[in-house]
Amino acid sequence: MPQLDTSTWFTTIMTMLLTLYLIMQLKLLNMNHYQPPLTKNPNLQARNIRWQPKWTKTCLPHSQSQQF
């Protein structure tokens, strides 16, 4: 009965592991990872508003007492 030749197993297994590692690295390289939003400095933002940045008075009707 012939004996099983295991002399090339080490090379085969190491090559397989290296190939799997490289494939996983390429897959991870192409993934879109979550990036937290950049913090914005409010002083550097351009003001894009149609009114003046000042306090305005809001006139509301007088509240009436509601009777049920």
PDB file of N, CA and C in Angstrom:
ATOM      1  N   MET A   1       0.851  -1.176   0.000  1.00  0.00           N
ATOM      2  CA  MET A   1       0.000   0.000   0.000  1.00  0.00           C
ATOM      3  C   MET A   1       0.898   1.241   0.000  1.00  0.00           C
ATOM      4  N   PRO A   2       0.687   2.160  -0.968  1.00  0.00           N
ATOM      5  CA  PRO A   2       1.567   3.334  -1.024  1.00  0.00           C
ATOM      6  C   PRO A   2       1.244   4.344   0.089  1.00  0.00           C
ATOM      7  N   GLN A   3       2.267   5.037   0.476  1.00  0.00           N
ATOM      8  CA  GLN A   3       2.114   6.016   1.543  1.00  0.00           C
ATOM      9  C   GLN A   3       1.761   7.374   0.934  1.00  0.00           C
ATOM     10  N   LEU A   4       0.991   8.150   1.686  1.00  0.00           N
ATOM     11  CA  LEU A   4       0.552   9.461   1.214  1.00  0.00           C
ATOM     12  C   LEU A   4       1.717  10.443   1.278  1.00  0.00           C
ATOM     13  N   ASP A   5       1.953  11.126   0.169  1.00  0.00           N
ATOM     14  CA  ASP A   5       3.061  12.082   0.097  1.00  0.00           C
ATOM     15  C   ASP A   5       2.578  13.438   0.634  1.00  0.00           C
ATOM     16  N   THR A   6       3.105  13.866   1.759  1.00  0.00           N
ATOM     17  CA  THR A   6       2.694  15.129   2.390  1.00  0.00           C
ATOM     18  C   THR A   6       3.769  16.195   2.285  1.00  0.00           C
ATOM     19  N   SER A   7       4.717  16.023   1.415  1.00  0.00           N
ATOM     20  CA  SER A   7       5.830  16.972   1.340  1.00  0.00           C
ATOM     21  C   SER A   7       5.392  18.328   0.775  1.00  0.00           C
ATOM     22  N   THR A   8       4.341  18.371  -0.008  1.00  0.00           N
ATOM     23  CA  THR A   8       3.918  19.644  -0.603  1.00  0.00           C
ATOM     24  C   THR A   8       2.763  20.301   0.159  1.00  0.00           C
ATOM     25  N   TRP A   9       2.313  19.680   1.221  1.00  0.00           N
ATOM     26  CA  TRP A   9       1.171  20.229   1.949  1.00  0.00           C
ATOM     27  C   TRP A   9       1.483  21.588   2.559  1.00  0.00           C
ATOM     28  N   PHE A  10       2.649  21.745   3.121  1.00  0.00           N
ATOM     29  CA  PHE A  10       2.994  23.012   3.757  1.00  0.00           C
ATOM     30  C   PHE A  10       2.941  24.150   2.738  1.00  0.00           C
ATOM     31  N   THR A  11       3.532  23.936   1.578  1.00  0.00           N
ATOM     32  CA  THR A  11       3.527  24.970   0.532  1.00  0.00           C
ATOM     33  C   THR A  11       2.108  25.257   0.056  1.00  0.00           C
ATOM     34  N   THR A  12       1.312  24.231  -0.093  1.00  0.00           N
ATOM     35  CA  THR A  12      -0.067  24.401  -0.563  1.00  0.00           C
ATOM     36  C   THR A  12      -0.897  25.181   0.461  1.00  0.00           C
ATOM     37  N   ILE A  13      -0.782  24.828   1.707  1.00  0.00           N
ATOM     38  CA  ILE A  13      -1.563  25.494   2.753  1.00  0.00           C
ATOM     39  C   ILE A  13      -1.124  26.939   2.919  1.00  0.00           C
ATOM     40  N   MET A  14       0.163  27.194   2.906  1.00  0.00           N
ATOM     41  CA  MET A  14       0.650  28.567   3.059  1.00  0.00           C
ATOM     42  C   MET A  14       0.245  29.441   1.868  1.00  0.00           C
ATOM     43  N   THR A  15       0.276  28.883   0.693  1.00  0.00           N
ATOM     44  CA  THR A  15      -0.153  29.625  -0.494  1.00  0.00           C
ATOM     45  C   THR A  15      -1.643  29.928  -0.424  1.00  0.00           C
ATOM     46  N   MET A  16      -2.424  28.973   0.052  1.00  0.00           N
ATOM     47  CA  MET A  16      -3.866  29.171   0.194  1.00  0.00           C
ATOM     48  C   MET A  16      -4.166  30.269   1.218  1.00  0.00           C
ATOM     49  N   LEU A  17      -3.472  30.254   2.341  1.00  0.00           N
ATOM     50  CA  LEU A  17      -3.684  31.279   3.363  1.00  0.00           C
ATOM     51  C   LEU A  17      -3.291  32.672   2.855  1.00  0.00           C
ATOM     52  N   LEU A  18      -2.205  32.747   2.157  1.00  0.00           N
ATOM     53  CA  LEU A  18      -1.775  34.023   1.585  1.00  0.00           C
ATOM     54  C   LEU A  18      -2.798  34.532   0.578  1.00  0.00           C
ATOM     55  N   THR A  19      -3.320  33.647  -0.237  1.00  0.00           N
ATOM     56  CA  THR A  19      -4.323  34.034  -1.234  1.00  0.00           C
ATOM     57  C   THR A  19      -5.602  34.514  -0.558  1.00  0.00           C
ATOM     58  N   LEU A  20      -6.052  33.805   0.465  1.00  0.00           N
ATOM     59  CA  LEU A  20      -7.246  34.227   1.192  1.00  0.00           C
ATOM     60  C   LEU A  20      -7.044  35.582   1.865  1.00  0.00           C
ATOM     61  N   TYR A  21      -5.871  35.790   2.423  1.00  0.00           N
ATOM     62  CA  TYR A  21      -5.571  37.075   3.057  1.00  0.00           C
ATOM     63  C   TYR A  21      -5.618  38.201   2.028  1.00  0.00           C
ATOM     64  N   LEU A  22      -5.020  37.981   0.875  1.00  0.00           N
ATOM     65  CA  LEU A  22      -5.013  39.023  -0.155  1.00  0.00           C
ATOM     66  C   LEU A  22      -6.416  39.300  -0.690  1.00  0.00           C
ATOM     67  N   ILE A  23      -7.202  38.267  -0.854  1.00  0.00           N
ATOM     68  CA  ILE A  23      -8.577  38.464  -1.323  1.00  0.00           C
ATOM     69  C   ILE A  23      -9.381  39.258  -0.306  1.00  0.00           C
ATOM     70  N   MET A  24      -9.230  38.943   0.969  1.00  0.00           N
ATOM     71  CA  MET A  24      -9.957  39.689   2.005  1.00  0.00           C
ATOM     72  C   MET A  24      -9.500  41.145   2.062  1.00  0.00           C
ATOM     73  N   GLN A  25      -8.221  41.381   1.892  1.00  0.00           N
ATOM     74  CA  GLN A  25      -7.728  42.752   1.893  1.00  0.00           C
ATOM     75  C   GLN A  25      -8.303  43.539   0.722  1.00  0.00           C
ATOM     76  N   LEU A  26      -8.385  42.919  -0.438  1.00  0.00           N
ATOM     77  CA  LEU A  26      -8.957  43.604  -1.598  1.00  0.00           C
ATOM     78  C   LEU A  26     -10.443  43.874  -1.408  1.00  0.00           C
ATOM     79  N   LYS A  27     -11.162  42.957  -0.782  1.00  0.00           N
ATOM     80  CA  LYS A  27     -12.582  43.178  -0.527  1.00  0.00           C
ATOM     81  C   LYS A  27     -12.784  44.305   0.487  1.00  0.00           C
ATOM     82  N   LEU A  28     -11.970  44.333   1.522  1.00  0.00           N
ATOM     83  CA  LEU A  28     -12.096  45.392   2.530  1.00  0.00           C
ATOM     84  C   LEU A  28     -11.677  46.746   1.965  1.00  0.00           C
ATOM     85  N   LEU A  29     -10.761  46.735   1.033  1.00  0.00           N
ATOM     86  CA  LEU A  29     -10.308  47.980   0.431  1.00  0.00           C
ATOM     87  C   LEU A  29     -11.421  48.637  -0.372  1.00  0.00           C
ATOM     88  N   ASN A  30     -12.280  47.843  -0.987  1.00  0.00           N
ATOM     89  CA  ASN A  30     -13.351  48.372  -1.824  1.00  0.00           C
ATOM     90  C   ASN A  30     -14.627  48.699  -1.054  1.00  0.00           C
ATOM     91  N   MET A  31     -14.681  48.384   0.234  1.00  0.00           N
ATOM     92  CA  MET A  31     -15.882  48.665   1.025  1.00  0.00           C
ATOM     93  C   MET A  31     -15.925  50.125   1.411  1.00  0.00           C
ATOM     94  N   ASN A  32     -17.138  50.640   1.549  1.00  0.00           N
ATOM     95  CA  ASN A  32     -17.337  52.002   2.036  1.00  0.00           C
ATOM     96  C   ASN A  32     -17.545  51.933   3.536  1.00  0.00           C
ATOM     97  N   HIS A  33     -16.605  52.445   4.278  1.00  0.00           N
ATOM     98  CA  HIS A  33     -16.700  52.439   5.730  1.00  0.00           C
ATOM     99  C   HIS A  33     -17.354  53.722   6.198  1.00  0.00           C
ATOM    100  N   TYR A  34     -17.990  53.658   7.346  1.00  0.00           N
ATOM    101  CA  TYR A  34     -18.639  54.830   7.919  1.00  0.00           C
ATOM    102  C   TYR A  34     -17.596  55.849   8.344  1.00  0.00           C
ATOM    103  N   GLN A  35     -17.802  57.084   7.935  1.00  0.00           N
ATOM    104  CA  GLN A  35     -16.934  58.167   8.368  1.00  0.00           C
ATOM    105  C   GLN A  35     -17.788  59.197   9.092  1.00  0.00           C
ATOM    106  N   PRO A  36     -17.412  59.563  10.300  1.00  0.00           N
ATOM    107  CA  PRO A  36     -18.218  60.542  11.019  1.00  0.00           C
ATOM    108  C   PRO A  36     -18.211  61.879  10.278  1.00  0.00           C
ATOM    109  N   PRO A  37     -19.297  62.630  10.368  1.00  0.00           N
ATOM    110  CA  PRO A  37     -19.337  63.914   9.676  1.00  0.00           C
ATOM    111  C   PRO A  37     -18.303  64.872  10.249  1.00  0.00           C
ATOM    112  N   LEU A  38     -17.800  65.715   9.391  1.00  0.00           N
ATOM    113  CA  LEU A  38     -16.810  66.690   9.837  1.00  0.00           C
ATOM    114  C   LEU A  38     -17.483  67.753  10.690  1.00  0.00           C
ATOM    115  N   THR A  39     -16.812  68.165  11.723  1.00  0.00           N
ATOM    116  CA  THR A  39     -17.370  69.227  12.552  1.00  0.00           C
ATOM    117  C   THR A  39     -17.199  70.549  11.836  1.00  0.00           C
ATOM    118  N   LYS A  40     -18.255  71.306  11.836  1.00  0.00           N
ATOM    119  CA  LYS A  40     -18.231  72.577  11.138  1.00  0.00           C
ATOM    120  C   LYS A  40     -18.147  73.707  12.155  1.00  0.00           C
ATOM    121  N   ASN A  41     -17.293  74.639  11.893  1.00  0.00           N
ATOM    122  CA  ASN A  41     -17.171  75.802  12.740  1.00  0.00           C
ATOM    123  C   ASN A  41     -18.246  76.802  12.314  1.00  0.00           C
ATOM    124  N   PRO A  42     -19.155  77.196  13.218  1.00  0.00           N
ATOM    125  CA  PRO A  42     -20.232  78.097  12.807  1.00  0.00           C
ATOM    126  C   PRO A  42     -19.730  79.478  12.386  1.00  0.00           C
ATOM    127  N   ASN A  43     -18.558  79.863  12.840  1.00  0.00           N
ATOM    128  CA  ASN A  43     -18.035  81.171  12.459  1.00  0.00           C
ATOM    129  C   ASN A  43     -17.524  81.187  11.018  1.00  0.00           C
ATOM    130  N   LEU A  44     -17.172  80.009  10.495  1.00  0.00           N
ATOM    131  CA  LEU A  44     -16.627  79.946   9.153  1.00  0.00           C
ATOM    132  C   LEU A  44     -17.695  79.705   8.090  1.00  0.00           C
ATOM    133  N   GLN A  45     -18.905  79.375   8.524  1.00  0.00           N
ATOM    134  CA  GLN A  45     -19.963  79.117   7.561  1.00  0.00           C
ATOM    135  C   GLN A  45     -20.438  80.425   6.947  1.00  0.00           C
ATOM    136  N   ALA A  46     -20.710  80.374   5.671  1.00  0.00           N
ATOM    137  CA  ALA A  46     -21.253  81.552   4.993  1.00  0.00           C
ATOM    138  C   ALA A  46     -22.717  81.692   5.374  1.00  0.00           C
ATOM    139  N   ARG A  47     -23.101  82.876   5.695  1.00  0.00           N
ATOM    140  CA  ARG A  47     -24.492  83.101   6.074  1.00  0.00           C
ATOM    141  C   ARG A  47     -25.323  83.250   4.817  1.00  0.00           C
ATOM    142  N   ASN A  48     -26.214  82.324   4.652  1.00  0.00           N
ATOM    143  CA  ASN A  48     -27.066  82.314   3.472  1.00  0.00           C
ATOM    144  C   ASN A  48     -28.518  82.496   3.919  1.00  0.00           C
ATOM    145  N   ILE A  49     -28.804  83.627   4.535  1.00  0.00           N
ATOM    146  CA  ILE A  49     -30.152  83.902   5.001  1.00  0.00           C
ATOM    147  C   ILE A  49     -30.634  85.196   4.384  1.00  0.00           C
ATOM    148  N   ARG A  50     -31.957  85.299   4.277  1.00  0.00           N
ATOM    149  CA  ARG A  50     -32.526  86.467   3.618  1.00  0.00           C
ATOM    150  C   ARG A  50     -32.840  87.600   4.586  1.00  0.00           C
ATOM    151  N   TRP A  51     -32.699  87.386   5.860  1.00  0.00           N
ATOM    152  CA  TRP A  51     -32.982  88.429   6.821  1.00  0.00           C
ATOM    153  C   TRP A  51     -31.735  88.764   7.609  1.00  0.00           C
ATOM    154  N   GLN A  52     -31.810  89.863   8.292  1.00  0.00           N
ATOM    155  CA  GLN A  52     -30.674  90.299   9.089  1.00  0.00           C
ATOM    156  C   GLN A  52     -30.555  89.426  10.331  1.00  0.00           C
ATOM    157  N   PRO A  53     -29.341  89.082  10.709  1.00  0.00           N
ATOM    158  CA  PRO A  53     -29.168  88.252  11.905  1.00  0.00           C
ATOM    159  C   PRO A  53     -29.318  89.081  13.182  1.00  0.00           C
ATOM    160  N   LYS A  54     -30.534  89.469  13.505  1.00  0.00           N
ATOM    161  CA  LYS A  54     -30.797  90.220  14.728  1.00  0.00           C
ATOM    162  C   LYS A  54     -32.098  89.719  15.330  1.00  0.00           C
ATOM    163  N   TRP A  55     -32.338  90.126  16.552  1.00  0.00           N
ATOM    164  CA  TRP A  55     -33.557  89.699  17.228  1.00  0.00           C
ATOM    165  C   TRP A  55     -34.744  90.416  16.612  1.00  0.00           C
ATOM    166  N   THR A  56     -35.791  89.672  16.361  1.00  0.00           N
ATOM    167  CA  THR A  56     -37.022  90.264  15.850  1.00  0.00           C
ATOM    168  C   THR A  56     -38.146  90.005  16.841  1.00  0.00           C
ATOM    169  N   LYS A  57     -39.087  90.889  16.860  1.00  0.00           N
ATOM    170  CA  LYS A  57     -40.204  90.780  17.784  1.00  0.00           C
ATOM    171  C   LYS A  57     -41.344  90.056  17.075  1.00  0.00           C
ATOM    172  N   THR A  58     -41.868  89.053  17.712  1.00  0.00           N
ATOM    173  CA  THR A  58     -42.977  88.305  17.142  1.00  0.00           C
ATOM    174  C   THR A  58     -44.252  88.749  17.828  1.00  0.00           C
ATOM    175  N   CYS A  59     -45.201  89.163  17.060  1.00  0.00           N
ATOM    176  CA  CYS A  59     -46.485  89.608  17.611  1.00  0.00           C
ATOM    177  C   CYS A  59     -47.488  88.472  17.524  1.00  0.00           C
ATOM    178  N   LEU A  60     -47.930  88.035  18.661  1.00  0.00           N
ATOM    179  CA  LEU A  60     -48.901  86.969  18.732  1.00  0.00           C
ATOM    180  C   LEU A  60     -50.209  87.514  19.276  1.00  0.00           C
ATOM    181  N   PRO A  61     -51.331  86.958  18.884  1.00  0.00           N
ATOM    182  CA  PRO A  61     -52.600  87.409  19.463  1.00  0.00           C
ATOM    183  C   PRO A  61     -52.660  87.029  20.936  1.00  0.00           C
ATOM    184  N   HIS A  62     -53.407  87.815  21.675  1.00  0.00           N
ATOM    185  CA  HIS A  62     -53.541  87.536  23.113  1.00  0.00           C
ATOM    186  C   HIS A  62     -54.234  86.207  23.300  1.00  0.00           C
ATOM    187  N   SER A  63     -53.739  85.466  24.223  1.00  0.00           N
ATOM    188  CA  SER A  63     -54.362  84.171  24.478  1.00  0.00           C
ATOM    189  C   SER A  63     -55.664  84.390  25.251  1.00  0.00           C
ATOM    190  N   GLN A  64     -56.685  83.714  24.835  1.00  0.00           N
ATOM    191  CA  GLN A  64     -57.981  83.814  25.499  1.00  0.00           C
ATOM    192  C   GLN A  64     -58.171  82.596  26.363  1.00  0.00           C
ATOM    193  N   SER A  65     -58.837  82.798  27.444  1.00  0.00           N
ATOM    194  CA  SER A  65     -59.077  81.669  28.329  1.00  0.00           C
ATOM    195  C   SER A  65     -60.114  80.757  27.696  1.00  0.00           C
ATOM    196  N   GLN A  66     -59.801  79.518  27.639  1.00  0.00           N
ATOM    197  CA  GLN A  66     -60.709  78.567  27.025  1.00  0.00           C
ATOM    198  C   GLN A  66     -61.598  77.966  28.101  1.00  0.00           C
ATOM    199  N   GLN A  67     -62.891  78.033  27.864  1.00  0.00           N
ATOM    200  CA  GLN A  67     -63.840  77.482  28.816  1.00  0.00           C
ATOM    201  C   GLN A  67     -64.535  76.299  28.181  1.00  0.00           C
ATOM    202  N   PHE A  68     -64.581  75.222  28.951  1.00  0.00           N
ATOM    203  CA  PHE A  68     -65.243  74.024  28.433  1.00  0.00           C
ATOM    204  C   PHE A  68     -66.535  73.789  29.140  1.00  0.00           C
TER     205      PHE A  68
END
